[in-house]
N, C-alpha and C. Protein backbone atom coordinates (compact mmCIF):
# COMPACT_ATOMS: atom_id res chain seq x y z
N MET A 1 -7.00 -6.91 7.88
CA MET A 1 -7.23 -7.50 7.17
C MET A 1 -6.97 -8.94 7.91
N ARG A 2 -6.56 -9.16 9.09
CA ARG A 2 -6.38 -10.53 10.01
C ARG A 2 -7.58 -11.19 10.31
N ARG A 3 -8.90 -10.14 10.06
CA ARG A 3 -10.25 -11.15 10.32
C ARG A 3 -10.58 -11.98 9.30
N TRP A 4 -9.86 -11.67 7.73
CA TRP A 4 -10.13 -12.45 6.59
C TRP A 4 -9.45 -13.83 6.48
N HIS A 5 -7.84 -13.68 6.91
CA HIS A 5 -7.12 -14.50 6.92
C HIS A 5 -6.79 -15.15 8.18
N LYS A 6 -6.40 -16.77 8.40
CA LYS A 6 -6.62 -17.06 9.53
C LYS A 6 -4.99 -17.72 9.86
N LYS A 7 -4.29 -17.20 8.90
CA LYS A 7 -2.46 -17.62 9.57
C LYS A 7 -1.87 -15.90 8.61
N ASP A 8 -0.95 -15.78 8.78
CA ASP A 8 0.02 -14.57 8.38
C ASP A 8 0.11 -14.17 6.88
N ILE A 9 -0.43 -13.05 6.65
CA ILE A 9 -0.28 -12.26 5.36
C ILE A 9 0.93 -12.24 4.79
N ASN A 10 1.29 -12.83 3.40
CA ASN A 10 2.60 -12.75 2.96
C ASN A 10 2.86 -11.70 1.81
N ASN A 11 1.57 -11.43 1.52
CA ASN A 11 2.10 -10.15 0.42
C ASN A 11 0.62 -9.63 -0.06
N VAL A 12 0.43 -8.26 -0.12
CA VAL A 12 -0.46 -7.51 -0.29
C VAL A 12 0.06 -6.94 -1.95
N VAL A 13 -0.96 -7.03 -3.03
CA VAL A 13 -0.72 -6.58 -4.39
C VAL A 13 -1.57 -5.94 -4.61
N PHE A 14 -1.41 -4.50 -5.36
CA PHE A 14 -2.71 -3.86 -5.91
C PHE A 14 -2.26 -3.61 -7.42
N HIS A 15 -3.75 -3.76 -8.39
CA HIS A 15 -3.85 -3.79 -9.50
C HIS A 15 -3.54 -2.77 -9.98
N ARG A 16 -2.48 -2.41 -11.27
CA ARG A 16 -1.96 -1.39 -11.69
C ARG A 16 -3.30 -0.25 -12.30
N SER A 17 -4.26 -0.86 -12.84
CA SER A 17 -5.32 0.22 -13.40
C SER A 17 -6.72 0.06 -12.85
N GLU A 18 -6.79 -1.42 -12.32
CA GLU A 18 -8.06 -1.49 -11.68
C GLU A 18 -8.43 -1.32 -10.10
N PRO A 19 -9.79 -0.79 -9.42
CA PRO A 19 -9.53 -1.08 -8.18
C PRO A 19 -9.32 -1.91 -7.16
N LEU A 20 -8.52 -3.03 -7.31
CA LEU A 20 -8.43 -4.44 -6.90
C LEU A 20 -7.05 -4.07 -6.02
N PHE A 21 -7.03 -5.27 -4.86
CA PHE A 21 -6.10 -5.89 -4.55
C PHE A 21 -6.34 -7.08 -4.23
N THR A 22 -4.92 -7.76 -3.98
CA THR A 22 -5.14 -9.20 -3.24
C THR A 22 -4.41 -9.06 -2.31
N THR A 23 -4.67 -10.36 -1.66
CA THR A 23 -3.73 -10.64 -0.50
C THR A 23 -3.45 -12.45 -0.52
N CYS A 24 -2.06 -12.35 -0.23
CA CYS A 24 -1.80 -14.35 -0.09
C CYS A 24 -1.26 -14.53 1.26
N SER A 25 -1.36 -15.55 1.83
CA SER A 25 -1.53 -15.92 3.17
C SER A 25 -0.81 -17.25 3.42
N ASP A 26 -0.36 -17.68 4.65
CA ASP A 26 0.02 -19.01 4.91
C ASP A 26 -1.04 -20.07 5.29
N ASP A 27 -2.25 -19.36 5.06
CA ASP A 27 -3.69 -20.33 5.50
C ASP A 27 -3.92 -20.87 4.10
N CYS A 28 -3.38 -20.60 3.04
CA CYS A 28 -3.13 -21.57 1.49
C CYS A 28 -4.48 -20.47 0.95
N THR A 29 -4.77 -19.25 0.99
CA THR A 29 -5.64 -18.74 0.42
C THR A 29 -5.44 -17.43 -0.23
N LEU A 30 -6.01 -17.05 -1.28
CA LEU A 30 -5.45 -15.65 -1.85
C LEU A 30 -6.99 -15.00 -1.91
N GLN A 31 -6.99 -13.65 -1.34
CA GLN A 31 -8.32 -12.95 -1.48
C GLN A 31 -8.10 -11.73 -2.16
N VAL A 32 -9.22 -11.64 -3.24
CA VAL A 32 -9.18 -10.70 -3.91
C VAL A 32 -10.56 -9.76 -3.26
N SER A 33 -9.98 -8.20 -3.32
CA SER A 33 -11.01 -7.27 -2.87
C SER A 33 -10.93 -5.99 -3.81
N TYR A 34 -12.27 -5.62 -3.94
CA TYR A 34 -12.30 -4.15 -4.36
C TYR A 34 -11.91 -3.17 -3.36
N VAL A 35 -11.47 -1.90 -3.66
CA VAL A 35 -10.91 -0.91 -2.70
C VAL A 35 -11.24 0.55 -3.47
N MET A 36 -12.29 1.51 -3.07
CA MET A 36 -12.20 2.70 -3.15
C MET A 36 -12.20 3.71 -2.22
N VAL A 37 -10.96 4.70 -2.62
CA VAL A 37 -10.67 5.87 -1.91
C VAL A 37 -11.38 7.10 -2.39
N ASP A 38 -12.11 8.03 -1.39
CA ASP A 38 -12.20 9.08 -1.98
C ASP A 38 -11.64 10.26 -2.26
N SER A 39 -11.21 10.28 -3.54
CA SER A 39 -10.21 11.48 -3.72
C SER A 39 -10.42 12.88 -3.26
N LYS A 40 -11.52 13.13 -3.23
CA LYS A 40 -11.93 14.61 -2.31
C LYS A 40 -11.74 14.45 -1.14
N ASP A 41 -11.43 13.47 -0.34
CA ASP A 41 -11.57 13.55 1.28
C ASP A 41 -10.15 12.59 1.43
N LEU A 42 -8.77 12.73 1.66
CA LEU A 42 -8.43 11.42 1.89
C LEU A 42 -8.24 11.03 3.47
N ASN A 43 -8.99 11.79 4.18
CA ASN A 43 -8.78 11.48 5.57
C ASN A 43 -10.41 10.49 5.75
N MET A 44 -10.97 10.13 4.78
CA MET A 44 -12.12 9.02 5.09
C MET A 44 -11.58 7.64 4.99
N ASN A 45 -12.12 6.90 5.39
CA ASN A 45 -11.64 5.89 5.56
C ASN A 45 -12.12 4.73 3.90
N PRO A 46 -11.36 4.06 3.61
CA PRO A 46 -11.54 3.63 2.34
C PRO A 46 -12.36 2.54 2.66
N VAL A 47 -13.33 2.20 1.21
CA VAL A 47 -14.02 1.33 1.21
C VAL A 47 -13.33 -0.13 0.60
N ILE A 48 -13.53 -0.99 1.31
CA ILE A 48 -12.93 -2.62 1.19
C ILE A 48 -14.13 -3.48 1.00
N VAL A 49 -14.28 -4.06 -0.10
CA VAL A 49 -15.34 -5.13 -0.27
C VAL A 49 -14.84 -6.44 -0.55
N PRO A 50 -14.53 -7.56 0.12
CA PRO A 50 -14.23 -8.68 -0.57
C PRO A 50 -14.90 -9.05 -1.58
N LEU A 51 -14.01 -9.80 -2.79
CA LEU A 51 -14.96 -10.14 -3.98
C LEU A 51 -14.73 -11.77 -3.95
N GLU A 52 -13.68 -12.16 -3.87
CA GLU A 52 -13.38 -14.00 -4.04
C GLU A 52 -12.16 -14.04 -3.24
N ILE A 53 -12.40 -15.29 -2.84
CA ILE A 53 -11.31 -16.29 -2.00
C ILE A 53 -10.99 -17.58 -2.94
N PHE A 54 -9.61 -17.65 -3.26
CA PHE A 54 -8.97 -18.66 -4.16
C PHE A 54 -8.39 -19.36 -3.37
N ARG A 55 -8.54 -20.93 -3.33
CA ARG A 55 -7.90 -21.71 -2.82
C ARG A 55 -6.85 -22.83 -3.77
N GLY A 56 -6.00 -23.52 -3.63
CA GLY A 56 -5.51 -24.44 -4.51
C GLY A 56 -4.25 -25.26 -4.03
N HIS A 57 -3.04 -24.11 -3.18
CA HIS A 57 -1.99 -24.46 -2.50
C HIS A 57 -2.49 -25.04 -1.58
N THR A 58 -1.29 -26.13 -1.38
CA THR A 58 -1.33 -26.73 0.21
C THR A 58 -0.32 -26.32 0.73
N SER A 59 -0.08 -26.58 1.94
CA SER A 59 0.63 -26.04 3.05
C SER A 59 1.98 -26.84 3.01
N SER A 60 2.91 -26.17 3.28
CA SER A 60 4.49 -26.89 3.13
C SER A 60 5.52 -26.13 4.48
N ASN A 61 5.32 -27.02 5.66
CA ASN A 61 5.93 -26.30 6.46
C ASN A 61 5.32 -25.45 7.29
N GLY A 62 4.22 -25.45 7.06
CA GLY A 62 3.49 -24.64 7.58
C GLY A 62 3.35 -23.03 7.32
N ARG A 63 3.99 -22.95 5.74
CA ARG A 63 3.99 -21.83 4.90
C ARG A 63 2.90 -22.58 3.83
N GLY A 64 2.07 -21.31 3.39
CA GLY A 64 0.91 -21.27 2.20
C GLY A 64 1.26 -20.55 0.84
N VAL A 65 0.71 -19.33 0.54
CA VAL A 65 0.79 -19.00 -0.84
C VAL A 65 1.76 -17.55 -0.29
N MET A 66 3.10 -17.77 -1.15
CA MET A 66 4.40 -17.10 -0.84
C MET A 66 4.23 -15.40 -1.46
N ASP A 67 3.69 -15.45 -2.55
CA ASP A 67 3.50 -14.17 -3.42
C ASP A 67 2.43 -14.36 -4.50
N CYS A 68 2.04 -13.24 -4.80
CA CYS A 68 1.13 -13.06 -5.80
C CYS A 68 1.33 -12.05 -6.80
N LYS A 69 0.61 -11.85 -8.00
CA LYS A 69 0.96 -11.13 -9.27
C LYS A 69 -0.27 -10.86 -9.75
N PHE A 70 -0.88 -9.64 -10.39
CA PHE A 70 -1.61 -9.64 -11.37
C PHE A 70 -1.05 -9.38 -12.89
N HIS A 71 -1.51 -9.91 -13.69
CA HIS A 71 -0.96 -9.56 -15.08
C HIS A 71 -1.41 -8.42 -15.17
N PRO A 72 -0.72 -7.46 -16.01
CA PRO A 72 -0.75 -5.94 -16.37
C PRO A 72 -1.93 -5.79 -17.16
N ARG A 73 -2.15 -6.80 -18.19
CA ARG A 73 -3.36 -6.01 -19.12
C ARG A 73 -4.96 -7.30 -18.84
N GLN A 74 -4.09 -8.54 -18.94
CA GLN A 74 -5.40 -8.92 -18.60
C GLN A 74 -6.15 -9.72 -17.24
N PRO A 75 -7.30 -10.30 -17.21
CA PRO A 75 -7.83 -10.67 -15.76
C PRO A 75 -7.31 -11.64 -15.01
N TRP A 76 -6.16 -11.73 -15.01
CA TRP A 76 -5.34 -12.91 -14.62
C TRP A 76 -4.46 -12.81 -12.95
N LEU A 77 -4.26 -13.69 -12.33
CA LEU A 77 -3.59 -13.78 -10.97
C LEU A 77 -2.78 -14.78 -10.89
N PHE A 78 -1.75 -14.66 -11.04
CA PHE A 78 -0.54 -15.81 -10.83
C PHE A 78 -0.19 -15.78 -8.91
N THR A 79 0.48 -16.89 -8.53
CA THR A 79 0.79 -17.02 -7.09
C THR A 79 1.72 -18.14 -7.45
N ALA A 80 2.52 -17.77 -6.46
CA ALA A 80 3.70 -18.69 -5.86
C ALA A 80 3.46 -19.28 -4.59
N GLY A 81 3.44 -20.72 -4.19
CA GLY A 81 3.50 -21.32 -3.11
C GLY A 81 4.53 -22.08 -2.38
N ALA A 82 4.43 -22.16 -1.33
CA ALA A 82 5.67 -23.29 -0.45
C ALA A 82 5.37 -24.33 -0.92
N ASP A 83 4.60 -25.02 -1.57
CA ASP A 83 4.10 -26.55 -1.91
C ASP A 83 4.84 -26.38 -3.47
N SER A 84 5.93 -25.39 -3.78
CA SER A 84 6.38 -25.48 -4.92
C SER A 84 5.95 -25.35 -6.33
N VAL A 85 4.33 -24.88 -6.28
CA VAL A 85 3.34 -25.03 -7.28
C VAL A 85 3.22 -23.46 -7.68
N ILE A 86 2.90 -22.85 -9.04
CA ILE A 86 2.99 -21.65 -9.86
C ILE A 86 1.55 -22.12 -10.22
N ARG A 87 0.41 -21.18 -9.67
CA ARG A 87 -0.79 -21.24 -10.10
C ARG A 87 -1.39 -20.01 -11.19
N LEU A 88 -2.20 -20.22 -11.71
CA LEU A 88 -2.67 -18.84 -12.75
C LEU A 88 -4.19 -19.22 -12.18
N TYR A 89 -5.00 -18.06 -12.00
CA TYR A 89 -6.43 -17.72 -11.77
C TYR A 89 -6.77 -16.91 -12.41
N CYS A 90 -7.78 -16.99 -13.29
CA CYS A 90 -8.23 -16.81 -14.28
C CYS A 90 -9.87 -16.70 -14.87
N ASN A 91 -10.49 -15.79 -15.13
CA ASN A 91 -12.22 -15.99 -15.54
C ASN A 91 -12.36 -16.10 -16.75
């Protein structure tokens, strides 16, 4: 994951029902990725495909996006930043 973010990752969140996860970082980005694991052979490496990079938070004292959560039923993503802003990302 370090190759996608330029600073520390603060949280990794998996979606409850979709094969998605997101990472949030001090580089003020939120990155959503698709993940697939072969249920027949758990020794195989997972397939991870980056889907989207979201921006919108600003840095505060070197900190960026502190937390992120998927909505349980809607295709929405909530973030909380060190800039004291909560954002909603949806399509």
